[in-house]
Amino acid sequence: MKPGRSVSEPVVSSIPADILGSDNPKDYSLTLAKGLAILELFSEDVKAVTLQGVADHLSTSRATARRLIMTLEIAGYVEKGRDGYTLSSKCLAISRAYLGINSVLSILGDMVRDLAARLECPCSLVSLDRSDVMFLCRDPSRRVYASRLALGDRLPAHASAGGKLLLANLADDALRAWFGTVTAAPLASRTIQSYPALLAEIRKIRKLGYAVTESELEEGVLSLAVPVRDNKGTTTMALITSSMTTRTSLAGLIEANLETMKAAAEDMSQAFGDFLRHNA
């Protein structure tokens, strides 16, 4: 583990908090959920975990953490080393199947990087994952956010252009239900924090066909998102570009990039749709 980084610090997990925090989760295996949460602790910064770090992160006892870690070790997914427990090569068996099915992401990733070079702005491709958007492809050579984002990282959907664009696919009642499951924390001066405000924004996005943010996720960050569709015409991903208010205005970002973004998104939709049709 790199110095200064502890697994007891907040780490984004796709395991819902209501599962990890419940003693009797209905229709879920709490033990399995906690085991998966341990695997999600590993990242570029966190190379190894300790029993105490796992116990702190899961808010459980050291004895429980030990049983979970030992189960993963016996199953071959982690190995004990000098600094704690590390991931084993067996984890590749899980990712291999995913990468095989999702080899189209390699193609889309090349298209995202090409677009970023043409726009001279960071570009990303995201999907909706519960309360967040998850990065599927991105250009790693450019950044506007204070934190360094990588593939698989997540951002709150209600505060991101891509998230709002994908939420626009939901019917109003489904959107209200979704909003009831999230905490719309104030991340910057213009973060949307109420359902009426979100609904008004979503209805505007449905009319425009694209989404924008300005100082909603981070102060001074501008973003523009357009839809990427599957072979049935359903918006499943959002293509995003971003800039800073110190470089351009929101109107300037839209004027300079919207048409190019739409054309690139059409090409990505075609590639994605072809992949789905050929692998049906």
Protein backbone atom coordinates (compact mmCIF):
# COMPACT_ATOMS: atom_id res chain seq x y z
CA MET A 1 0.00 0.00 0.00
CA LYS A 2 1.28 3.45 -0.82
CA PRO A 3 2.25 5.56 2.18
CA GLY A 4 -0.55 7.68 3.57
CA ARG A 5 -3.37 5.66 2.01
CA SER A 6 -5.43 3.46 4.33
CA VAL A 7 -8.20 1.07 3.38
CA SER A 8 -10.20 2.53 6.24
CA GLU A 9 -10.54 5.73 4.18
CA PRO A 10 -13.76 6.03 2.11
CA VAL A 11 -13.64 3.82 -0.96
CA VAL A 12 -16.41 3.81 -3.55
CA SER A 13 -18.16 0.45 -3.69
CA SER A 14 -20.91 -0.88 -5.91
CA ILE A 15 -22.27 -2.88 -2.96
CA PRO A 16 -25.29 -0.90 -1.73
CA ALA A 17 -24.87 0.59 1.73
CA ASP A 18 -28.20 -0.85 2.88
CA ILE A 19 -26.85 -4.36 2.25
CA LEU A 20 -23.53 -3.89 4.01
CA GLY A 21 -25.18 -2.17 6.94
CA SER A 22 -27.98 -4.69 7.44
CA ASP A 23 -27.92 -7.73 9.68
CA ASN A 24 -30.65 -9.44 7.68
CA PRO A 25 -30.70 -8.22 4.05
CA LYS A 26 -33.73 -9.59 2.26
CA ASP A 27 -32.89 -11.60 -0.84
CA TYR A 28 -29.16 -10.92 -0.41
CA SER A 29 -26.21 -12.80 1.03
CA LEU A 30 -24.53 -10.33 3.37
CA THR A 31 -21.41 -12.49 3.59
CA LEU A 32 -21.03 -12.57 -0.19
CA ALA A 33 -21.62 -8.81 -0.39
CA LYS A 34 -18.89 -8.18 2.16
CA GLY A 35 -16.51 -10.50 0.36
CA LEU A 36 -17.06 -8.61 -2.88
CA ALA A 37 -16.59 -5.33 -1.04
CA ILE A 38 -13.16 -6.54 0.07
CA LEU A 39 -12.14 -7.24 -3.53
CA GLU A 40 -13.30 -3.74 -4.49
CA LEU A 41 -10.92 -2.23 -1.95
CA PHE A 42 -8.00 -2.94 -4.26
CA SER A 43 -7.01 -0.19 -6.67
CA GLU A 44 -4.00 1.48 -8.23
CA ASP A 45 -3.32 3.10 -4.86
CA VAL A 46 -4.29 0.19 -2.61
CA LYS A 47 -2.09 -2.80 -3.44
CA ALA A 48 -2.61 -4.68 -0.16
CA VAL A 49 -5.14 -4.77 2.66
CA THR A 50 -4.85 -5.74 6.30
CA LEU A 51 -7.33 -7.48 8.58
CA GLN A 52 -7.81 -4.32 10.63
CA GLY A 53 -8.23 -2.19 7.52
CA VAL A 54 -10.91 -4.56 6.19
CA ALA A 55 -12.67 -4.64 9.56
CA ASP A 56 -12.71 -0.83 9.71
CA HIS A 57 -13.95 -0.47 6.14
CA LEU A 58 -16.80 -2.96 6.60
CA SER A 59 -17.59 -1.76 10.14
CA THR A 60 -17.28 -5.31 11.38
CA SER A 61 -15.15 -7.23 13.86
CA ARG A 62 -11.58 -8.27 13.21
CA ALA A 63 -12.66 -11.92 13.59
CA THR A 64 -15.28 -11.52 10.85
CA ALA A 65 -12.77 -9.76 8.62
CA ARG A 66 -10.34 -12.64 9.18
CA ARG A 67 -12.93 -15.25 8.14
CA LEU A 68 -13.79 -13.30 4.99
CA ILE A 69 -10.16 -12.79 4.01
CA MET A 70 -9.27 -16.44 4.71
CA THR A 71 -12.22 -17.57 2.56
CA LEU A 72 -10.95 -15.45 -0.31
CA GLU A 73 -7.44 -16.81 0.27
CA ILE A 74 -8.59 -20.43 0.26
CA ALA A 75 -10.62 -19.76 -2.89
CA GLY A 76 -7.47 -18.37 -4.46
CA TYR A 77 -8.54 -14.76 -5.00
CA VAL A 78 -6.10 -13.16 -2.53
CA GLU A 79 -2.62 -14.04 -1.35
CA LYS A 80 -0.87 -13.22 1.92
CA GLY A 81 2.23 -11.11 1.53
CA ARG A 82 4.60 -9.02 3.60
CA ASP A 83 2.36 -5.92 3.61
CA GLY A 84 -0.96 -7.75 3.95
CA TYR A 85 -3.23 -9.50 1.49
CA THR A 86 -2.97 -8.85 -2.25
CA LEU A 87 -5.04 -9.88 -5.26
CA SER A 88 -3.99 -13.11 -6.98
CA SER A 89 -3.82 -13.84 -10.69
CA LYS A 90 -7.03 -15.88 -10.36
CA CYS A 91 -8.96 -12.61 -10.41
CA LEU A 92 -8.04 -12.40 -14.09
CA ALA A 93 -10.39 -15.33 -14.70
CA ILE A 94 -13.31 -13.09 -13.75
CA SER A 95 -12.16 -10.13 -15.82
CA ARG A 96 -11.25 -12.30 -18.82
CA ALA A 97 -14.88 -13.25 -19.46
CA TYR A 98 -16.02 -9.64 -19.05
CA LEU A 99 -13.33 -8.31 -21.36
CA GLY A 100 -14.15 -10.95 -23.94
CA ILE A 101 -17.80 -9.96 -24.00
CA ASN A 102 -16.95 -6.27 -23.86
CA SER A 103 -14.11 -6.20 -26.36
CA VAL A 104 -16.11 -3.48 -28.09
CA LEU A 105 -14.95 -1.17 -25.31
CA SER A 106 -11.46 -1.33 -26.81
CA ILE A 107 -12.87 -0.04 -30.09
CA LEU A 108 -14.92 2.64 -28.35
CA GLY A 109 -11.89 3.59 -26.25
CA ASP A 110 -9.88 4.30 -29.40
CA MET A 111 -12.74 6.45 -30.69
CA VAL A 112 -12.90 8.37 -27.41
CA ARG A 113 -9.17 9.08 -27.48
CA ASP A 114 -9.35 10.18 -31.13
CA LEU A 115 -12.19 12.56 -30.28
CA ALA A 116 -10.26 14.00 -27.33
CA ALA A 117 -7.31 14.70 -29.61
CA ARG A 118 -9.54 16.47 -32.13
CA LEU A 119 -11.36 18.56 -29.51
CA GLU A 120 -8.25 19.07 -27.40
CA CYS A 121 -10.47 18.41 -24.40
CA PRO A 122 -10.82 15.38 -22.09
CA CYS A 123 -13.48 12.93 -23.28
CA SER A 124 -15.11 9.96 -21.57
CA LEU A 125 -17.75 7.29 -22.08
CA VAL A 126 -19.93 6.44 -19.07
CA SER A 127 -22.88 4.25 -18.13
CA LEU A 128 -25.40 4.58 -15.31
CA ASP A 129 -24.69 2.36 -12.29
CA ARG A 130 -27.23 2.83 -9.49
CA SER A 131 -26.69 6.33 -8.09
CA ASP A 132 -23.53 6.98 -10.11
CA VAL A 133 -22.07 7.04 -13.58
CA MET A 134 -19.19 4.64 -14.17
CA PHE A 135 -16.32 5.37 -16.53
CA LEU A 136 -16.07 2.76 -19.32
CA CYS A 137 -13.57 4.57 -21.57
CA ARG A 138 -11.66 7.80 -21.15
CA ASP A 139 -8.71 9.73 -22.47
CA PRO A 140 -6.09 9.53 -19.69
CA SER A 141 -3.86 12.25 -21.13
CA ARG A 142 -6.19 15.14 -20.25
CA ARG A 143 -8.02 16.03 -17.05
CA VAL A 144 -10.11 18.82 -15.54
CA TYR A 145 -11.24 17.24 -12.28
CA ALA A 146 -9.22 17.68 -9.10
CA SER A 147 -9.16 13.91 -8.55
CA ARG A 148 -7.53 11.52 -11.01
CA LEU A 149 -10.25 9.35 -12.54
CA ALA A 150 -9.70 5.91 -14.05
CA LEU A 151 -11.78 3.24 -15.75
CA GLY A 152 -14.38 1.87 -13.36
CA ASP A 153 -14.40 4.99 -11.19
CA ARG A 154 -17.74 6.60 -10.43
CA LEU A 155 -19.22 10.07 -10.08
CA PRO A 156 -22.63 11.05 -8.67
CA ALA A 157 -25.15 10.90 -11.50
CA HIS A 158 -27.24 13.85 -10.30
CA ALA A 159 -24.24 16.19 -10.57
CA SER A 160 -22.74 15.01 -13.87
CA ALA A 161 -23.74 15.78 -17.44
CA GLY A 162 -23.54 12.11 -18.41
CA GLY A 163 -25.60 11.07 -15.42
CA LYS A 164 -28.36 13.57 -16.13
CA LEU A 165 -28.43 12.53 -19.79
CA LEU A 166 -28.86 8.87 -18.85
CA LEU A 167 -31.46 9.69 -16.20
CA ALA A 168 -33.48 11.43 -18.92
CA ASN A 169 -34.30 7.91 -20.21
CA LEU A 170 -36.36 7.24 -17.09
CA ALA A 171 -40.06 8.01 -16.88
CA ASP A 172 -40.96 10.68 -14.33
CA ASP A 173 -42.19 8.17 -11.74
CA ALA A 174 -39.05 6.05 -12.16
CA LEU A 175 -36.92 9.19 -11.86
CA ARG A 176 -38.68 10.11 -8.62
CA ALA A 177 -38.09 6.61 -7.26
CA TRP A 178 -34.41 6.82 -8.26
CA PHE A 179 -34.01 10.20 -6.58
CA GLY A 180 -35.44 8.75 -3.38
CA THR A 181 -32.56 6.27 -3.21
CA VAL A 182 -29.71 8.78 -3.51
CA THR A 183 -28.20 11.47 -1.36
CA ALA A 184 -28.01 14.61 -3.49
CA ALA A 185 -25.05 16.11 -1.67
CA PRO A 186 -24.03 19.70 -2.50
CA LEU A 187 -20.75 19.14 -4.34
CA ALA A 188 -20.41 22.64 -5.81
CA SER A 189 -22.34 25.92 -5.97
CA ARG A 190 -24.86 24.72 -8.59
CA THR A 191 -25.39 21.09 -7.58
CA ILE A 192 -29.00 19.98 -8.01
CA GLN A 193 -30.35 18.93 -4.62
CA SER A 194 -34.13 18.60 -5.02
CA TYR A 195 -36.37 16.40 -7.13
CA PRO A 196 -38.33 19.31 -8.67
CA ALA A 197 -35.07 20.92 -9.80
CA LEU A 198 -33.81 17.62 -11.22
CA LEU A 199 -37.11 16.96 -13.02
CA ALA A 200 -37.05 20.42 -14.61
CA GLU A 201 -33.48 19.81 -15.78
CA ILE A 202 -34.32 16.34 -17.12
CA ARG A 203 -37.28 17.68 -19.12
CA LYS A 204 -35.00 20.29 -20.69
CA ILE A 205 -32.47 17.58 -21.58
CA ARG A 206 -35.18 15.49 -23.25
CA LYS A 207 -36.03 18.43 -25.51
CA LEU A 208 -32.44 19.39 -26.32
CA GLY A 209 -31.05 15.88 -26.76
CA TYR A 210 -27.91 16.69 -24.78
CA ALA A 211 -26.96 17.58 -21.20
CA VAL A 212 -24.61 20.10 -19.62
CA THR A 213 -23.24 20.99 -16.21
CA GLU A 214 -21.52 24.09 -14.88
CA SER A 215 -20.09 24.06 -11.36
CA GLU A 216 -22.34 21.16 -10.33
CA LEU A 217 -19.74 18.48 -9.71
CA GLU A 218 -16.71 20.69 -9.10
CA GLU A 219 -16.46 24.46 -9.02
CA GLY A 220 -15.55 25.84 -12.42
CA VAL A 221 -15.93 22.54 -14.32
CA LEU A 222 -18.04 22.55 -17.49
CA SER A 223 -19.31 19.36 -19.14
CA LEU A 224 -21.29 18.44 -22.23
CA ALA A 225 -22.83 14.98 -22.79
CA VAL A 226 -24.50 13.39 -25.81
CA PRO A 227 -26.16 9.94 -26.11
CA VAL A 228 -24.62 6.72 -27.40
CA ARG A 229 -27.30 4.19 -28.34
CA ASP A 230 -27.53 0.42 -28.69
CA ASN A 231 -28.85 -1.51 -31.69
CA LYS A 232 -32.43 -0.84 -30.59
CA GLY A 233 -31.96 2.90 -30.36
CA THR A 234 -31.92 2.99 -26.56
CA THR A 235 -29.45 5.36 -24.92
CA THR A 236 -27.15 3.14 -22.86
CA MET A 237 -24.04 5.30 -22.58
CA ALA A 238 -23.13 8.97 -22.53
CA LEU A 239 -20.20 10.57 -24.35
CA ILE A 240 -18.79 13.47 -22.35
CA THR A 241 -16.31 16.27 -22.89
CA SER A 242 -15.28 18.77 -20.24
CA SER A 243 -13.48 22.05 -19.79
CA MET A 244 -13.05 24.84 -17.23
CA THR A 245 -14.70 28.25 -16.88
CA THR A 246 -11.20 29.71 -16.95
CA ARG A 247 -10.84 28.45 -20.54
CA THR A 248 -14.30 28.92 -22.04
CA SER A 249 -17.96 29.56 -21.25
CA LEU A 250 -20.69 26.93 -21.25
CA ALA A 251 -22.11 28.45 -24.44
CA GLY A 252 -18.62 28.35 -25.94
CA LEU A 253 -18.18 24.68 -25.02
CA ILE A 254 -21.48 23.81 -26.69
CA GLU A 255 -20.85 25.88 -29.82
CA ALA A 256 -17.35 24.52 -30.33
CA ASN A 257 -18.03 20.85 -29.62
CA LEU A 258 -21.70 19.81 -29.86
CA GLU A 259 -21.88 18.89 -33.55
CA THR A 260 -18.55 17.05 -33.48
CA MET A 261 -19.68 15.22 -30.34
CA LYS A 262 -22.96 14.19 -31.98
CA ALA A 263 -21.16 12.84 -35.04
CA ALA A 264 -18.71 10.89 -32.88
CA ALA A 265 -21.57 9.52 -30.77
CA GLU A 266 -23.32 8.33 -33.96
CA ASP A 267 -20.17 6.47 -35.00
CA MET A 268 -19.90 4.91 -31.53
CA SER A 269 -23.58 3.94 -31.61
CA GLN A 270 -23.02 2.25 -34.97
CA ALA A 271 -20.00 0.33 -33.66
CA PHE A 272 -21.81 -0.65 -30.48
CA GLY A 273 -24.96 -1.66 -32.35
CA ASP A 274 -22.99 -3.76 -34.84
CA PHE A 275 -21.25 -5.53 -31.97
CA LEU A 276 -24.56 -6.34 -30.26
CA ARG A 277 -26.15 -7.60 -33.48
CA HIS A 278 -23.21 -9.84 -34.33
CA ASN A 279 -23.05 -11.26 -30.81
CA ALA A 280 -26.78 -11.76 -30.26
